[in-house]
Amino acid sequence: MTPGLDPQSTGTRALISSRGSVVILLIATAILMLGGGLFSTLLAVRANLEGFSAFTIGFVMSGYFLGYMLGAFLCVKAIEDVGHIRTFSALAALVSAIAISHAIFVHPLVWMVFRLLAGICIVGLFLVIESWLNAEAPPGKRGRVFAIYMVVYLSAMAGGQLLLTLADPRTFVLFGVASILFALAVIPTALTRVRAPAPQPAGGMDLRRLFRISTLGVTTCFIVGIIGGAFWSLAAVFVLRSGLGEAQVAYFMTAAIAGGMAAQIPVGRFSDTHDRTGVLAGVALLLTIAATVLSLLSGQWAAAMIVAAFLFGAFYFPLYSLAVAHTHDQIGPEYAVGATRGLMFVYGVGAVIGPVIGGALMGIAGPRSLFLFMATIGAALTALSMYWYRVRPTVPVAEQSTFVPMIRTSHEALSMAEEAAHAATAPDRPQ
C-alpha cells in the first residue's frame, strides 16, 4: 500500500465523486429536456401558424423519429472515437444551431432535414448521458438512479411545455430560448472529469424471432409507436385547430405528461400482481376511450380537453412498459436487454409512420380525426390483447417479470432499467 494513503478514505472520495457526477448528469438531462420539450411542441405550433397542411406537418415531424433511429447506430462510433465530452459538446452545439435555424429558414423540406438531424443529435446526447450514468452510478444503485433519471426526464419535458407561454411563437424568441437551453446543457458535462466507457452498439434480438416469442409485445410496441409519433407531432396542431390558443397547447401537453407520470407506478404494480395480458387489454381499452373522448371534445371546453389529456397520458404512457414487461415474461433474463432493444426499434418504426398517417387524416377529415385514428388502432390493440388473454396460455403471476417504468431515450438506459427490475425482485437484505 502506498504510504500515507488510506484505502477507506480513497473509496469514500471516489463514492462522493461518483455521486457528484450523477447529479451533474441529471442536471444536464433536465436542461436538455427543458429545451427538447419546448422545441418539439413549438415547431408544431409554428408550422400550423405558417399555414403548413396537417399532412406536411406530420411528414416534417416524422423526420425526427427517423433520425432518432439512425442516431442510435451512428453516434456510438463518434463516442468511441472522440470521447463523451467532445461528442456531447458537438451534438449540443449542432442541435442548438438547428433550433435557431428553424426561425430563419421556414420551409417544410428544410425543416424535414433539420428534424432528421435533430433526431440524430438528441439520441446521441442521451447515449452520452446514459452510458455515463451507467459508469458513474454506484454499484447496486443503478436502479434507483434510473428511477430518479426518469422523473427528471419527464418533469423537465413537462416544464418545457410551459415555456411555450413565455412569448409569441410567431417571433424569434422561443426558438432562441430552446437554442440557449441546448447550449447550456454542455456546461454540466464539461465540468465532469471521468471518461465513461464506450456505449454498446444498438443491436437487438432478431425481430422475426422476437415476434414469434412475443407477438403481442411486439405488436403493442408498434401500435404505441404509431400513437406516440402522432401525439408528439400533431397534438399541438389538434389543439390549435380545435379553436384554442398557444397557452392551452402548453397546458394540454403538460397534462398528458403529468398523467403518464402519475399512472406508471400504480399500473405497473397492479400488473405485477395480476395477469399481465389482461391488464394490457384493460389499459388499451381505457386509452381507446380517452382518445375517443378527446376526439369528441374537439372545439369544446378547454378545461375538459385538458382533463381528458391527463387521462390519455395516464393510459398511453404505461403501455410501452407493459409491452416490455409482457415480452420479458416470455423470455429468459439473459435475453431481456436484446429483446428490449428490438422493441425500441419496433416502436421507432411505428413513430415514423404515425405522424404521416395522422397528418393525412387530419387534412382530409379535420382535427377530430387525429384522436379518432388513435382510438381506432387502440381498439385494435384491445381486441388483440383480449384474444391473447382468452385463447393463449398465460404466464402465472408468480413467474411474471417485474414491471419497470420505461422511457424511450437510448438503449444505454436498459442496463439501469434491468438493475431496477432485479432490485425489485431481490429478497430483502438483513438489517
Protein backbone atom coordinates (compact mmCIF):
# COMPACT_ATOMS: atom_id res chain seq x y z
CA MET A 1 0.00 0.00 0.00
CA THR A 2 1.27 3.49 -0.78
CA PRO A 3 2.44 5.16 2.46
CA GLY A 4 0.00 7.69 3.86
CA LEU A 5 -2.84 6.55 1.59
CA ASP A 6 -5.94 5.40 3.45
CA PRO A 7 -7.93 2.95 1.27
CA GLN A 8 -11.16 3.69 3.11
CA SER A 9 -10.70 7.43 2.60
CA THR A 10 -9.90 6.87 -1.08
CA GLY A 11 -13.05 4.79 -1.53
CA THR A 12 -15.15 7.44 0.19
CA ARG A 13 -13.75 10.18 -2.04
CA ALA A 14 -14.47 8.01 -5.10
CA LEU A 15 -18.07 7.47 -3.97
CA ILE A 16 -18.57 11.20 -3.35
CA SER A 17 -17.07 11.98 -6.76
CA SER A 18 -19.35 9.38 -8.36
CA ARG A 19 -22.45 10.85 -6.74
CA GLY A 20 -21.39 14.32 -7.82
CA SER A 21 -21.04 13.19 -11.41
CA VAL A 22 -24.50 11.59 -11.29
CA VAL A 23 -26.01 14.86 -10.03
CA ILE A 24 -24.24 16.80 -12.79
CA LEU A 25 -25.54 14.42 -15.44
CA LEU A 26 -29.08 14.70 -14.07
CA ILE A 27 -28.80 18.49 -14.27
CA ALA A 28 -27.68 18.17 -17.89
CA THR A 29 -30.69 15.93 -18.56
CA ALA A 30 -33.06 18.47 -17.02
CA ILE A 31 -31.67 21.34 -19.12
CA LEU A 32 -31.68 19.23 -22.27
CA MET A 33 -35.29 18.13 -21.81
CA LEU A 34 -36.48 21.64 -20.96
CA GLY A 35 -35.19 22.63 -24.38
CA GLY A 36 -36.44 19.46 -26.05
CA GLY A 37 -39.91 19.70 -24.55
CA LEU A 38 -40.29 23.31 -25.66
CA PHE A 39 -38.74 22.77 -29.08
CA SER A 40 -40.89 19.85 -30.27
CA THR A 41 -44.19 21.49 -29.36
CA LEU A 42 -43.06 24.91 -30.60
CA LEU A 43 -42.31 23.50 -34.05
CA ALA A 44 -45.78 22.03 -34.43
CA VAL A 45 -47.36 25.31 -33.28
CA ARG A 46 -45.22 27.45 -35.59
CA ALA A 47 -45.79 25.11 -38.54
CA ASN A 48 -49.53 25.49 -38.04
CA LEU A 49 -49.20 29.27 -37.83
CA GLU A 50 -47.17 29.25 -41.06
CA GLY A 51 -50.09 27.54 -42.81
CA PHE A 52 -48.47 24.12 -43.36
CA SER A 53 -51.04 21.44 -44.09
CA ALA A 54 -51.59 18.77 -41.44
CA PHE A 55 -50.04 16.16 -43.73
CA THR A 56 -46.98 18.36 -44.27
CA ILE A 57 -46.59 18.89 -40.52
CA GLY A 58 -46.84 15.14 -39.91
CA PHE A 59 -44.29 14.45 -42.63
CA VAL A 60 -41.86 17.05 -41.28
CA MET A 61 -42.18 15.87 -37.68
CA SER A 62 -41.69 12.22 -38.63
CA GLY A 63 -38.15 13.10 -39.66
CA TYR A 64 -37.24 13.41 -36.00
CA PHE A 65 -38.11 9.79 -35.25
CA LEU A 66 -36.26 8.57 -38.34
CA GLY A 67 -33.20 10.49 -37.19
CA TYR A 68 -33.60 9.08 -33.71
CA MET A 69 -33.44 5.54 -35.08
CA LEU A 70 -30.41 6.30 -37.26
CA GLY A 71 -28.59 8.10 -34.47
CA ALA A 72 -28.73 5.06 -32.20
CA PHE A 73 -26.30 3.39 -34.60
CA LEU A 74 -24.28 6.37 -35.88
CA CYS A 75 -23.42 8.11 -32.62
CA VAL A 76 -21.81 5.11 -30.91
CA LYS A 77 -18.83 5.38 -33.29
CA ALA A 78 -18.44 9.10 -32.59
CA ILE A 79 -18.31 8.50 -28.84
CA GLU A 80 -15.73 5.75 -29.28
CA ASP A 81 -13.55 7.98 -31.48
CA VAL A 82 -13.53 11.32 -29.63
CA GLY A 83 -14.97 10.60 -26.20
CA HIS A 84 -18.08 11.61 -24.30
CA ILE A 85 -17.43 15.28 -23.58
CA ARG A 86 -16.42 16.19 -27.14
CA THR A 87 -19.30 14.22 -28.64
CA PHE A 88 -21.81 15.81 -26.28
CA SER A 89 -20.46 19.30 -26.92
CA ALA A 90 -20.52 18.85 -30.70
CA LEU A 91 -24.05 17.41 -30.76
CA ALA A 92 -25.40 20.02 -28.34
CA ALA A 93 -23.86 22.81 -30.44
CA LEU A 94 -25.38 21.33 -33.59
CA VAL A 95 -28.87 20.91 -32.16
CA SER A 96 -28.65 24.44 -30.70
CA ALA A 97 -27.85 25.77 -34.18
CA ILE A 98 -30.63 23.66 -35.69
CA ALA A 99 -33.17 25.06 -33.20
CA ILE A 100 -32.44 28.67 -34.06
CA SER A 101 -32.22 27.89 -37.79
CA HIS A 102 -35.90 26.89 -37.88
CA ALA A 103 -36.80 30.54 -37.33
CA ILE A 104 -34.52 31.63 -40.20
CA PHE A 105 -35.31 29.03 -42.87
CA VAL A 106 -39.06 28.46 -42.79
CA HIS A 107 -39.72 25.78 -45.40
CA PRO A 108 -41.14 22.26 -44.97
CA LEU A 109 -38.32 20.45 -46.78
CA VAL A 110 -35.65 22.36 -44.88
CA TRP A 111 -37.44 21.64 -41.61
CA MET A 112 -37.66 17.95 -42.52
CA VAL A 113 -33.85 17.84 -42.87
CA PHE A 114 -33.47 19.78 -39.63
CA ARG A 115 -35.78 17.34 -37.81
CA LEU A 116 -33.79 14.38 -39.11
CA LEU A 117 -30.54 15.93 -37.89
CA ALA A 118 -32.13 16.89 -34.56
CA GLY A 119 -33.23 13.30 -34.01
CA ILE A 120 -29.68 12.06 -34.60
CA CYS A 121 -28.29 14.69 -32.22
CA ILE A 122 -30.78 14.09 -29.42
CA VAL A 123 -30.33 10.32 -29.32
CA GLY A 124 -26.56 10.87 -29.37
CA LEU A 125 -26.84 13.21 -26.40
CA PHE A 126 -28.83 10.59 -24.50
CA LEU A 127 -26.30 7.91 -25.42
CA VAL A 128 -23.61 10.03 -23.78
CA ILE A 129 -25.63 10.81 -20.66
CA GLU A 130 -26.90 7.28 -20.13
CA SER A 131 -23.62 5.48 -20.75
CA TRP A 132 -22.03 7.98 -18.37
CA LEU A 133 -24.72 7.37 -15.75
CA ASN A 134 -24.17 3.63 -16.11
CA ALA A 135 -20.49 4.11 -15.37
CA GLU A 136 -20.88 6.67 -12.58
CA ALA A 137 -23.86 5.24 -10.65
CA PRO A 138 -22.60 3.45 -7.50
CA PRO A 139 -22.75 -0.38 -7.72
CA GLY A 140 -26.15 -1.67 -6.68
CA LYS A 141 -27.72 1.76 -7.08
CA ARG A 142 -28.29 1.92 -10.82
CA GLY A 143 -31.95 1.00 -10.45
CA ARG A 144 -32.51 3.91 -8.07
CA VAL A 145 -30.55 6.24 -10.35
CA PHE A 146 -32.72 5.14 -13.28
CA ALA A 147 -35.90 5.93 -11.33
CA ILE A 148 -34.60 9.42 -10.48
CA TYR A 149 -33.45 9.90 -14.06
CA MET A 150 -36.91 9.04 -15.37
CA VAL A 151 -38.57 11.54 -13.01
CA VAL A 152 -36.10 14.27 -14.00
CA TYR A 153 -36.63 13.50 -17.70
CA LEU A 154 -40.43 13.63 -17.58
CA SER A 155 -40.60 16.61 -15.21
CA ALA A 156 -38.28 18.65 -17.41
CA MET A 157 -40.24 17.65 -20.51
CA ALA A 158 -43.43 18.87 -18.83
CA GLY A 159 -41.70 22.08 -17.78
CA GLY A 160 -40.58 22.62 -21.36
CA GLN A 161 -44.20 22.65 -22.49
CA LEU A 162 -44.98 25.50 -20.11
CA LEU A 163 -42.14 27.59 -21.56
CA LEU A 164 -44.34 27.92 -24.64
CA THR A 165 -46.35 30.53 -22.74
CA LEU A 166 -43.36 32.89 -22.35
CA ALA A 167 -43.55 34.53 -25.78
CA ASP A 168 -45.40 34.63 -29.09
CA PRO A 169 -44.39 31.58 -31.18
CA ARG A 170 -44.59 33.78 -34.29
CA THR A 171 -41.44 35.55 -33.13
CA PHE A 172 -37.80 34.55 -32.83
CA VAL A 173 -37.84 34.44 -29.02
CA LEU A 174 -38.90 30.89 -28.21
CA PHE A 175 -36.55 29.41 -30.80
CA GLY A 176 -33.82 31.40 -29.09
CA VAL A 177 -34.84 30.05 -25.68
CA ALA A 178 -34.68 26.46 -26.97
CA SER A 179 -31.30 27.15 -28.57
CA ILE A 180 -29.95 28.64 -25.34
CA LEU A 181 -31.11 25.64 -23.29
CA PHE A 182 -29.46 23.16 -25.67
CA ALA A 183 -26.23 25.17 -25.43
CA LEU A 184 -26.40 25.40 -21.63
CA ALA A 185 -26.68 21.60 -21.37
CA VAL A 186 -22.98 21.47 -22.34
CA ILE A 187 -21.85 23.19 -19.16
CA PRO A 188 -22.60 20.41 -16.61
CA THR A 189 -20.99 17.71 -18.75
CA ALA A 190 -17.93 19.86 -19.39
CA LEU A 191 -17.38 20.03 -15.62
CA THR A 192 -17.09 16.27 -15.19
CA ARG A 193 -13.67 14.64 -15.17
CA VAL A 194 -14.35 10.95 -15.70
CA ARG A 195 -14.32 9.37 -19.15
CA ALA A 196 -17.09 6.78 -19.23
CA PRO A 197 -16.68 3.51 -21.12
CA ALA A 198 -17.91 3.49 -24.69
CA PRO A 199 -21.60 2.57 -25.11
CA GLN A 200 -22.58 -0.73 -26.59
CA PRO A 201 -23.83 -0.93 -30.20
CA ALA A 202 -27.60 -0.71 -30.55
CA GLY A 203 -28.10 -4.33 -31.56
CA GLY A 204 -31.14 -6.33 -30.56
CA MET A 205 -32.76 -9.72 -30.80
CA ASP A 206 -33.69 -10.89 -34.31
CA LEU A 207 -37.09 -9.32 -34.93
CA ARG A 208 -38.64 -12.42 -36.52
CA ARG A 209 -37.66 -14.49 -33.52
CA LEU A 210 -38.83 -11.77 -31.16
CA PHE A 211 -42.19 -11.63 -32.94
CA ARG A 212 -42.59 -15.41 -32.63
CA ILE A 213 -41.78 -15.31 -28.93
CA SER A 214 -43.94 -12.31 -28.05
CA THR A 215 -46.30 -11.39 -30.86
CA LEU A 216 -48.42 -9.28 -28.53
CA GLY A 217 -45.44 -7.42 -27.07
CA VAL A 218 -44.02 -6.53 -30.48
CA THR A 219 -47.42 -5.54 -31.89
CA THR A 220 -48.13 -3.39 -28.83
CA CYS A 221 -44.82 -1.53 -29.22
CA PHE A 222 -45.53 -0.90 -32.89
CA ILE A 223 -49.02 0.46 -32.16
CA VAL A 224 -47.77 2.52 -29.21
CA GLY A 225 -45.12 3.94 -31.54
CA ILE A 226 -47.75 4.96 -34.08
CA ILE A 227 -49.82 6.64 -31.37
CA GLY A 228 -46.80 8.28 -29.75
CA GLY A 229 -45.40 9.60 -33.02
CA ALA A 230 -48.76 11.06 -33.97
CA PHE A 231 -49.32 12.51 -30.50
CA TRP A 232 -45.95 14.24 -30.06
CA SER A 233 -46.02 15.55 -33.63
CA LEU A 234 -49.63 16.64 -34.04
CA ALA A 235 -51.36 17.06 -30.67
CA ALA A 236 -50.45 20.75 -30.62
CA VAL A 237 -51.97 21.14 -34.09
CA PHE A 238 -55.12 19.34 -32.87
CA VAL A 239 -55.48 21.82 -30.00
CA LEU A 240 -54.95 24.87 -32.22
CA ARG A 241 -57.31 23.68 -34.94
CA SER A 242 -59.89 22.92 -32.27
CA GLY A 243 -60.07 26.68 -31.70
CA LEU A 244 -57.80 27.02 -28.64
CA GLY A 245 -54.66 29.12 -28.21
CA GLU A 246 -50.96 28.53 -27.66
CA ALA A 247 -51.28 28.65 -23.86
CA GLN A 248 -53.85 25.86 -23.98
CA VAL A 249 -51.41 23.82 -26.09
CA ALA A 250 -48.86 24.10 -23.28
CA TYR A 251 -51.38 23.06 -20.62
CA PHE A 252 -52.72 20.22 -22.78
CA MET A 253 -49.27 18.71 -23.35
CA THR A 254 -48.23 19.20 -19.73
CA ALA A 255 -51.40 17.47 -18.53
CA ALA A 256 -50.73 14.45 -20.74
CA ILE A 257 -47.17 14.08 -19.40
CA ALA A 258 -48.39 14.56 -15.82
CA GLY A 259 -50.97 11.80 -16.35
CA GLY A 260 -48.24 9.46 -17.54
CA MET A 261 -46.05 10.24 -14.54
CA ALA A 262 -48.93 9.66 -12.14
CA ALA A 263 -50.07 6.35 -13.62
CA GLN A 264 -46.87 4.42 -14.45
CA ILE A 265 -46.14 3.05 -10.96
CA PRO A 266 -49.75 2.16 -9.96
CA VAL A 267 -50.41 0.44 -13.29
CA GLY A 268 -47.09 -1.39 -13.09
CA ARG A 269 -47.66 -2.67 -9.56
CA PHE A 270 -51.15 -3.81 -10.50
CA SER A 271 -49.78 -5.71 -13.49
CA ASP A 272 -47.21 -7.45 -11.26
CA THR A 273 -49.99 -8.98 -9.17
CA HIS A 274 -52.50 -9.76 -11.94
CA ASP A 275 -52.40 -11.41 -15.33
CA ARG A 276 -50.30 -9.03 -17.42
CA THR A 277 -52.14 -9.71 -20.67
CA GLY A 278 -55.45 -8.83 -19.08
CA VAL A 279 -54.02 -5.63 -17.62
CA LEU A 280 -52.60 -4.67 -21.01
CA ALA A 281 -56.02 -5.23 -22.60
CA GLY A 282 -57.69 -3.10 -19.92
CA VAL A 283 -55.23 -0.22 -20.28
CA ALA A 284 -55.57 -0.33 -24.08
CA LEU A 285 -59.36 -0.15 -23.69
CA LEU A 286 -59.11 2.85 -21.37
CA LEU A 287 -56.72 4.54 -23.81
CA THR A 288 -59.22 3.95 -26.60
CA ILE A 289 -61.98 5.56 -24.53
CA ALA A 290 -59.78 8.55 -23.61
CA ALA A 291 -58.80 9.09 -27.26
CA THR A 292 -62.45 8.88 -28.33
CA VAL A 293 -63.43 11.44 -25.70
CA LEU A 294 -60.69 13.79 -26.91
CA SER A 295 -61.95 13.43 -30.45
CA LEU A 296 -65.50 14.30 -29.36
CA LEU A 297 -64.28 17.27 -27.27
CA SER A 298 -62.54 18.93 -30.21
CA GLY A 299 -63.67 22.55 -30.28
CA GLN A 300 -65.49 22.24 -26.94
CA TRP A 301 -64.39 23.24 -23.42
CA ALA A 302 -60.67 23.80 -22.90
CA ALA A 303 -60.76 22.57 -19.30
CA ALA A 304 -62.46 19.32 -20.32
CA MET A 305 -59.88 18.75 -23.05
CA ILE A 306 -57.02 19.22 -20.59
CA VAL A 307 -58.58 16.75 -18.14
CA ALA A 308 -59.06 14.27 -20.98
CA ALA A 309 -55.41 14.82 -21.99
CA PHE A 310 -54.36 13.86 -18.45
CA LEU A 311 -56.35 10.63 -18.73
CA PHE A 312 -54.97 9.96 -22.20
CA GLY A 313 -51.42 10.28 -20.86
CA ALA A 314 -52.26 8.10 -17.87
CA PHE A 315 -53.28 5.23 -20.17
CA TYR A 316 -50.82 5.85 -23.00
CA PHE A 317 -47.51 6.10 -21.15
CA PRO A 318 -47.66 2.75 -19.29
CA LEU A 319 -48.43 0.76 -22.46
CA TYR A 320 -44.85 0.63 -23.71
CA SER A 321 -43.59 -0.51 -20.30
CA LEU A 322 -46.36 -3.11 -20.15
CA ALA A 323 -45.32 -4.41 -23.58
CA VAL A 324 -41.70 -4.70 -22.44
CA ALA A 325 -42.72 -6.48 -19.23
CA HIS A 326 -45.05 -8.81 -21.17
CA THR A 327 -42.19 -9.72 -23.51
CA HIS A 328 -39.85 -10.33 -20.58
CA ASP A 329 -42.47 -12.72 -19.18
CA GLN A 330 -41.92 -14.91 -22.24
CA ILE A 331 -38.11 -15.00 -22.33
CA GLY A 332 -35.18 -15.73 -20.08
CA PRO A 333 -33.40 -12.87 -18.28
CA GLU A 334 -30.29 -13.37 -20.43
CA TYR A 335 -32.27 -12.17 -23.48
CA ALA A 336 -34.03 -9.26 -21.78
CA VAL A 337 -31.76 -6.42 -22.93
CA GLY A 338 -31.58 -7.67 -26.53
CA ALA A 339 -35.36 -8.07 -26.65
CA THR A 340 -35.95 -4.58 -25.26
CA ARG A 341 -33.60 -3.10 -27.85
CA GLY A 342 -35.64 -4.84 -30.52
CA LEU A 343 -38.85 -3.43 -29.05
CA MET A 344 -37.37 0.07 -29.05
CA PHE A 345 -36.62 -0.32 -32.77
CA VAL A 346 -40.18 -1.50 -33.46
CA TYR A 347 -41.53 1.49 -31.52
CA GLY A 348 -39.35 3.79 -33.65
CA VAL A 349 -40.73 2.35 -36.88
CA GLY A 350 -44.25 3.00 -35.66
CA ALA A 351 -43.31 6.53 -34.56
CA VAL A 352 -42.11 7.36 -38.09
CA ILE A 353 -45.38 6.13 -39.61
CA GLY A 354 -47.80 7.65 -37.09
CA PRO A 355 -47.33 11.37 -37.89
CA VAL A 356 -47.65 10.79 -41.63
CA ILE A 357 -50.92 8.87 -41.33
CA GLY A 358 -52.28 11.16 -38.62
CA GLY A 359 -51.44 14.27 -40.61
CA ALA A 360 -53.04 12.88 -43.76
CA LEU A 361 -56.24 12.05 -41.88
CA MET A 362 -56.38 15.49 -40.28
CA GLY A 363 -56.05 17.07 -43.71
CA ILE A 364 -58.97 15.01 -45.01
CA ALA A 365 -61.34 14.88 -42.06
CA GLY A 366 -60.28 17.68 -39.70
CA PRO A 367 -58.66 17.75 -36.25
CA ARG A 368 -61.08 15.26 -34.67
CA SER A 369 -59.69 12.52 -36.88
CA LEU A 370 -56.28 12.55 -35.12
CA PHE A 371 -57.55 11.10 -31.85
CA LEU A 372 -60.20 9.07 -33.66
CA PHE A 373 -57.31 7.44 -35.53
CA MET A 374 -55.57 6.73 -32.22
CA ALA A 375 -58.80 5.35 -30.79
CA THR A 376 -59.21 3.04 -33.79
CA ILE A 377 -55.79 1.43 -33.50
CA GLY A 378 -56.18 1.42 -29.72
CA ALA A 379 -59.36 -0.60 -30.21
CA ALA A 380 -57.46 -2.99 -32.48
CA LEU A 381 -54.84 -3.45 -29.74
CA THR A 382 -57.61 -4.02 -27.18
CA ALA A 383 -59.17 -6.72 -29.36
CA LEU A 384 -55.82 -8.43 -29.95
CA SER A 385 -54.97 -8.34 -26.24
CA MET A 386 -58.35 -9.79 -25.28
CA TYR A 387 -57.91 -12.54 -27.86
CA TRP A 388 -54.50 -13.37 -26.40
CA TYR A 389 -55.95 -13.36 -22.90
CA ARG A 390 -58.73 -15.77 -23.85
CA VAL A 391 -57.02 -18.29 -26.14
CA ARG A 392 -53.28 -18.15 -25.38
CA PRO A 393 -51.59 -19.69 -22.34
CA THR A 394 -50.54 -17.01 -19.90
CA VAL A 395 -47.56 -16.84 -17.57
CA PRO A 396 -48.57 -17.44 -13.93
CA VAL A 397 -48.45 -14.26 -11.87
CA ALA A 398 -45.76 -15.72 -9.60
CA GLU A 399 -43.49 -16.26 -12.62
CA GLN A 400 -44.01 -12.86 -14.25
CA SER A 401 -41.12 -10.44 -14.60
CA THR A 402 -41.20 -7.19 -12.65
CA PHE A 403 -42.70 -4.10 -14.29
CA VAL A 404 -40.23 -1.25 -14.66
CA PRO A 405 -41.39 2.16 -15.95
CA MET A 406 -39.51 2.84 -19.18
CA ILE A 407 -38.65 5.94 -21.17
CA ARG A 408 -37.59 5.54 -24.79
CA THR A 409 -34.37 7.51 -24.84
CA SER A 410 -31.48 5.27 -25.89
CA HIS A 411 -30.57 1.61 -25.45
CA GLU A 412 -27.95 2.60 -22.85
CA ALA A 413 -30.71 3.11 -20.27
CA LEU A 414 -31.66 -0.56 -20.47
CA SER A 415 -28.96 -1.84 -18.11
CA MET A 416 -30.13 0.61 -15.45
CA ALA A 417 -33.71 -0.48 -16.02
CA GLU A 418 -32.71 -4.14 -15.75
CA GLU A 419 -30.99 -3.49 -12.43
CA ALA A 420 -34.13 -1.75 -11.21
CA ALA A 421 -36.11 -4.89 -12.09
CA HIS A 422 -33.62 -7.15 -10.31
CA ALA A 423 -33.62 -4.92 -7.24
CA ALA A 424 -37.42 -5.10 -7.10
CA THR A 425 -37.40 -8.90 -7.10
CA ALA A 426 -34.39 -9.44 -4.82
CA PRO A 427 -35.10 -10.70 -1.31
CA ASP A 428 -34.83 -8.18 1.49
CA ARG A 429 -31.33 -7.79 2.81
CA PRO A 430 -30.72 -8.36 6.51
CA GLN A 431 -30.74 -5.17 8.53
